[in-house]
Amino acid sequence: MTAQATETMLYEGEELRLCNEPLEHFLHNQQPPVKFMSAHTALWRGYIGTWSIEGERLYLKSLKANTHDEVSGGIQEVGLDAVFPGFPDGVFAHWFSGELRCTRGAMLKYVHGGFGSVYERDLFFKVKKGVVIDCREVVNGVVPVGAHESDDI
């Protein structure tokens, strides 16, 4: 599988790469299930969300998704209102419980699959029903002086 495009997490004024899919559980439990289309192999889920942690609560702030346009037969881009009508400014992620992984710093190792690439640091958020109950940072290493992110380290 191709490495997947990350979503965005806004946290304490920082824009992080989110290496999870916290919306998936919600989408698969909808009747009928919400289905998005993949525009390319680095985005099999068909959408990219922007998330934020505000006051220890997880919010989905925006969504860019692709659906099948019944009229033209092509791909149509839709937003947050396609899943959450009436919540144009975001929605509290009450459906999500689990651990979120956000990356910080330069890439140390590229992995051609899923969200397996390794970065200098990982920030993990433990979430229960949309509420952040723990946060920890793991240091994985640093890019050697003189190396570039694109170098094979």
C-alpha atoms as a PDB file:
ATOM      1  CA  MET A   1       0.000   0.000   0.000  1.00  0.00           C
ATOM      2  CA  THR A   2       1.168   3.506  -0.775  1.00  0.00           C
ATOM      3  CA  ALA A   3       2.052   5.807   2.118  1.00  0.00           C
ATOM      4  CA  GLN A   4      -1.126   7.724   2.957  1.00  0.00           C
ATOM      5  CA  ALA A   5      -1.647  11.478   3.114  1.00  0.00           C
ATOM      6  CA  THR A   6      -1.959  12.608   6.703  1.00  0.00           C
ATOM      7  CA  GLU A   7      -4.702  14.697   8.179  1.00  0.00           C
ATOM      8  CA  THR A   8      -3.959  17.893  10.126  1.00  0.00           C
ATOM      9  CA  MET A   9      -4.059  18.359  13.904  1.00  0.00           C
ATOM     10  CA  LEU A  10      -4.040  21.856  15.365  1.00  0.00           C
ATOM     11  CA  TYR A  11      -2.576  21.783  18.867  1.00  0.00           C
ATOM     12  CA  GLU A  12      -1.274  24.664  21.002  1.00  0.00           C
ATOM     13  CA  GLY A  13      -0.682  26.872  17.952  1.00  0.00           C
ATOM     14  CA  GLU A  14       1.148  24.130  16.055  1.00  0.00           C
ATOM     15  CA  GLU A  15       0.027  22.354  12.881  1.00  0.00           C
ATOM     16  CA  LEU A  16       0.886  18.655  13.191  1.00  0.00           C
ATOM     17  CA  ARG A  17       0.580  15.648  10.878  1.00  0.00           C
ATOM     18  CA  LEU A  18      -2.107  13.265  12.181  1.00  0.00           C
ATOM     19  CA  CYS A  19      -1.337   9.620  11.416  1.00  0.00           C
ATOM     20  CA  ASN A  20      -4.735   8.135  12.247  1.00  0.00           C
ATOM     21  CA  GLU A  21      -8.241   8.135  10.836  1.00  0.00           C
ATOM     22  CA  PRO A  22     -10.501   9.114  13.762  1.00  0.00           C
ATOM     23  CA  LEU A  23     -13.485   9.739  11.476  1.00  0.00           C
ATOM     24  CA  GLU A  24     -13.558   6.156  10.109  1.00  0.00           C
ATOM     25  CA  HIS A  25     -15.503   4.595  12.999  1.00  0.00           C
ATOM     26  CA  PHE A  26     -18.184   7.280  12.696  1.00  0.00           C
ATOM     27  CA  LEU A  27     -18.460   6.887   8.911  1.00  0.00           C
ATOM     28  CA  HIS A  28     -18.789   3.102   9.006  1.00  0.00           C
ATOM     29  CA  ASN A  29     -21.555   3.236  11.626  1.00  0.00           C
ATOM     30  CA  GLN A  30     -23.797   5.552   9.586  1.00  0.00           C
ATOM     31  CA  GLN A  31     -26.885   4.087   7.901  1.00  0.00           C
ATOM     32  CA  PRO A  32     -26.421   4.070   5.014  1.00  0.00           C
ATOM     33  CA  PRO A  33     -22.614   4.125   5.426  1.00  0.00           C
ATOM     34  CA  VAL A  34     -20.961   7.306   4.168  1.00  0.00           C
ATOM     35  CA  LYS A  35     -18.584   6.484   1.321  1.00  0.00           C
ATOM     36  CA  PHE A  36     -15.977   8.744  -0.191  1.00  0.00           C
ATOM     37  CA  MET A  37     -13.971   8.201  -3.361  1.00  0.00           C
ATOM     38  CA  SER A  38     -10.228   8.075  -3.640  1.00  0.00           C
ATOM     39  CA  ALA A  39      -8.763  10.699  -5.954  1.00  0.00           C
ATOM     40  CA  HIS A  40      -5.325   8.986  -5.873  1.00  0.00           C
ATOM     41  CA  THR A  41      -3.495   6.083  -4.206  1.00  0.00           C
ATOM     42  CA  ALA A  42      -2.115   8.248  -1.373  1.00  0.00           C
ATOM     43  CA  LEU A  43      -5.667   8.984  -0.201  1.00  0.00           C
ATOM     44  CA  TRP A  44      -7.612   5.714  -0.176  1.00  0.00           C
ATOM     45  CA  ARG A  45     -10.044   7.033   2.461  1.00  0.00           C
ATOM     46  CA  GLY A  46     -11.141   9.816   0.063  1.00  0.00           C
ATOM     47  CA  TYR A  47     -10.960  12.702   2.518  1.00  0.00           C
ATOM     48  CA  ILE A  48      -8.657  14.861   4.611  1.00  0.00           C
ATOM     49  CA  GLY A  49      -9.825  16.333   7.880  1.00  0.00           C
ATOM     50  CA  THR A  50      -8.490  19.188   9.952  1.00  0.00           C
ATOM     51  CA  TRP A  51      -8.728  18.403  13.649  1.00  0.00           C
ATOM     52  CA  SER A  52      -8.040  20.423  16.775  1.00  0.00           C
ATOM     53  CA  ILE A  53      -7.652  19.866  20.476  1.00  0.00           C
ATOM     54  CA  GLU A  54      -9.286  22.679  22.402  1.00  0.00           C
ATOM     55  CA  GLY A  55      -9.640  22.560  26.164  1.00  0.00           C
ATOM     56  CA  GLU A  56      -8.859  18.818  26.228  1.00  0.00           C
ATOM     57  CA  ARG A  57     -11.589  18.102  23.664  1.00  0.00           C
ATOM     58  CA  LEU A  58     -11.118  16.739  20.138  1.00  0.00           C
ATOM     59  CA  TYR A  59     -12.913  18.526  17.302  1.00  0.00           C
ATOM     60  CA  LEU A  60     -13.195  17.907  13.592  1.00  0.00           C
ATOM     61  CA  LYS A  61     -12.903  21.467  12.244  1.00  0.00           C
ATOM     62  CA  SER A  62     -13.124  20.916   8.491  1.00  0.00           C
ATOM     63  CA  LEU A  63     -13.273  18.197   5.871  1.00  0.00           C
ATOM     64  CA  LYS A  64     -12.315  17.963   2.207  1.00  0.00           C
ATOM     65  CA  ALA A  65     -13.819  14.846   0.684  1.00  0.00           C
ATOM     66  CA  ASN A  66     -14.516  13.357  -2.709  1.00  0.00           C
ATOM     67  CA  THR A  67     -17.852  11.794  -3.651  1.00  0.00           C
ATOM     68  CA  HIS A  68     -19.382  10.516  -6.853  1.00  0.00           C
ATOM     69  CA  ASP A  69     -21.260  13.278  -8.684  1.00  0.00           C
ATOM     70  CA  GLU A  70     -24.499  11.677  -9.921  1.00  0.00           C
ATOM     71  CA  VAL A  71     -25.012  14.380 -12.576  1.00  0.00           C
ATOM     72  CA  SER A  72     -21.604  14.451 -14.259  1.00  0.00           C
ATOM     73  CA  GLY A  73     -20.491  10.963 -13.309  1.00  0.00           C
ATOM     74  CA  GLY A  74     -17.195  12.406 -12.074  1.00  0.00           C
ATOM     75  CA  ILE A  75     -15.736  13.231  -8.706  1.00  0.00           C
ATOM     76  CA  GLN A  76     -17.232  16.074  -6.667  1.00  0.00           C
ATOM     77  CA  GLU A  77     -15.517  17.746  -3.678  1.00  0.00           C
ATOM     78  CA  VAL A  78     -17.657  18.159  -0.559  1.00  0.00           C
ATOM     79  CA  GLY A  79     -17.046  19.553   2.913  1.00  0.00           C
ATOM     80  CA  LEU A  80     -17.951  18.965   6.539  1.00  0.00           C
ATOM     81  CA  ASP A  81     -21.657  19.516   5.867  1.00  0.00           C
ATOM     82  CA  ALA A  82     -21.763  16.298   3.802  1.00  0.00           C
ATOM     83  CA  VAL A  83     -21.309  14.325   7.045  1.00  0.00           C
ATOM     84  CA  PHE A  84     -22.430  16.829   9.701  1.00  0.00           C
ATOM     85  CA  PRO A  85     -25.160  19.107   8.315  1.00  0.00           C
ATOM     86  CA  GLY A  86     -25.655  22.142  10.527  1.00  0.00           C
ATOM     87  CA  PHE A  87     -22.093  22.116  11.909  1.00  0.00           C
ATOM     88  CA  PRO A  88     -20.120  24.278   9.455  1.00  0.00           C
ATOM     89  CA  ASP A  89     -17.538  25.370  12.050  1.00  0.00           C
ATOM     90  CA  GLY A  90     -16.707  21.941  13.410  1.00  0.00           C
ATOM     91  CA  VAL A  91     -18.055  19.129  15.534  1.00  0.00           C
ATOM     92  CA  PHE A  92     -17.014  17.562  18.854  1.00  0.00           C
ATOM     93  CA  ALA A  93     -15.606  14.074  18.111  1.00  0.00           C
ATOM     94  CA  HIS A  94     -17.651  12.255  20.784  1.00  0.00           C
ATOM     95  CA  TRP A  95     -17.526   9.009  18.755  1.00  0.00           C
ATOM     96  CA  PHE A  96     -13.754   8.618  18.978  1.00  0.00           C
ATOM     97  CA  SER A  97     -11.933   6.653  21.657  1.00  0.00           C
ATOM     98  CA  GLY A  98      -8.382   5.489  21.116  1.00  0.00           C
ATOM     99  CA  GLU A  99      -4.882   6.805  20.656  1.00  0.00           C
ATOM    100  CA  LEU A 100      -3.945   9.477  18.125  1.00  0.00           C
ATOM    101  CA  ARG A 101      -0.403   9.791  16.777  1.00  0.00           C
ATOM    102  CA  CYS A 102       0.877  13.144  15.548  1.00  0.00           C
ATOM    103  CA  THR A 103       4.379  13.632  14.203  1.00  0.00           C
ATOM    104  CA  ARG A 104       6.821  16.450  14.840  1.00  0.00           C
ATOM    105  CA  GLY A 105      10.111  17.296  13.196  1.00  0.00           C
ATOM    106  CA  ALA A 106      11.823  15.876  10.149  1.00  0.00           C
ATOM    107  CA  MET A 107      11.241  12.452   8.640  1.00  0.00           C
ATOM    108  CA  LEU A 108      13.897   9.942   9.737  1.00  0.00           C
ATOM    109  CA  LYS A 109      12.713   6.995   7.664  1.00  0.00           C
ATOM    110  CA  TYR A 110      10.188   6.759   4.845  1.00  0.00           C
ATOM    111  CA  VAL A 111       7.897   3.725   4.890  1.00  0.00           C
ATOM    112  CA  HIS A 112       5.963   3.062   1.692  1.00  0.00           C
ATOM    113  CA  GLY A 113       2.737   2.034   3.377  1.00  0.00           C
ATOM    114  CA  GLY A 114       0.028   3.522   5.562  1.00  0.00           C
ATOM    115  CA  PHE A 115       1.327   5.865   8.260  1.00  0.00           C
ATOM    116  CA  GLY A 116       4.518   3.912   8.981  1.00  0.00           C
ATOM    117  CA  SER A 117       7.108   6.617   8.275  1.00  0.00           C
ATOM    118  CA  VAL A 118       9.250   7.588  11.275  1.00  0.00           C
ATOM    119  CA  TYR A 119       9.726  11.219  12.341  1.00  0.00           C
ATOM    120  CA  GLU A 120      11.955  12.849  14.954  1.00  0.00           C
ATOM    121  CA  ARG A 121       9.154  12.898  17.529  1.00  0.00           C
ATOM    122  CA  ASP A 122       5.689  11.432  17.994  1.00  0.00           C
ATOM    123  CA  LEU A 123       3.034  13.054  20.125  1.00  0.00           C
ATOM    124  CA  PHE A 124       0.404  10.582  21.340  1.00  0.00           C
ATOM    125  CA  PHE A 125      -3.026  11.611  22.604  1.00  0.00           C
ATOM    126  CA  LYS A 126      -5.164   9.096  24.480  1.00  0.00           C
ATOM    127  CA  VAL A 127      -8.807   9.988  23.857  1.00  0.00           C
ATOM    128  CA  LYS A 128     -11.989   8.668  25.450  1.00  0.00           C
ATOM    129  CA  LYS A 129     -15.296   9.674  23.830  1.00  0.00           C
ATOM    130  CA  GLY A 130     -13.684  12.794  22.382  1.00  0.00           C
ATOM    131  CA  VAL A 131     -11.947  13.905  25.593  1.00  0.00           C
ATOM    132  CA  VAL A 132      -8.141  13.866  25.777  1.00  0.00           C
ATOM    133  CA  ILE A 133      -7.200  12.009  28.959  1.00  0.00           C
ATOM    134  CA  ASP A 134      -3.428  11.705  28.413  1.00  0.00           C
ATOM    135  CA  CYS A 135      -0.674  13.098  26.212  1.00  0.00           C
ATOM    136  CA  ARG A 136       2.900  11.879  25.838  1.00  0.00           C
ATOM    137  CA  GLU A 137       5.802  12.597  23.503  1.00  0.00           C
ATOM    138  CA  VAL A 138       8.284  10.020  22.227  1.00  0.00           C
ATOM    139  CA  VAL A 139      11.654  11.050  20.777  1.00  0.00           C
ATOM    140  CA  ASN A 140      12.657   8.758  17.909  1.00  0.00           C
ATOM    141  CA  GLY A 141      15.933  10.467  16.950  1.00  0.00           C
ATOM    142  CA  VAL A 142      17.219  13.478  15.070  1.00  0.00           C
ATOM    143  CA  VAL A 143      18.246  14.129  11.503  1.00  0.00           C
ATOM    144  CA  PRO A 144      22.077  14.158  11.374  1.00  0.00           C
ATOM    145  CA  VAL A 145      23.716  17.545  10.783  1.00  0.00           C
ATOM    146  CA  GLY A 146      24.103  18.145   7.054  1.00  0.00           C
ATOM    147  CA  ALA A 147      21.425  15.610   6.079  1.00  0.00           C
ATOM    148  CA  HIS A 148      18.176  16.631   4.413  1.00  0.00           C
ATOM    149  CA  GLU A 149      14.685  15.301   5.054  1.00  0.00           C
ATOM    150  CA  SER A 150      14.679  13.690   1.622  1.00  0.00           C
ATOM    151  CA  ASP A 151      17.989  11.838   2.209  1.00  0.00           C
ATOM    152  CA  ASP A 152      17.740   8.123   2.928  1.00  0.00           C
ATOM    153  CA  ILE A 153      18.819   8.093   6.556  1.00  0.00           C
END
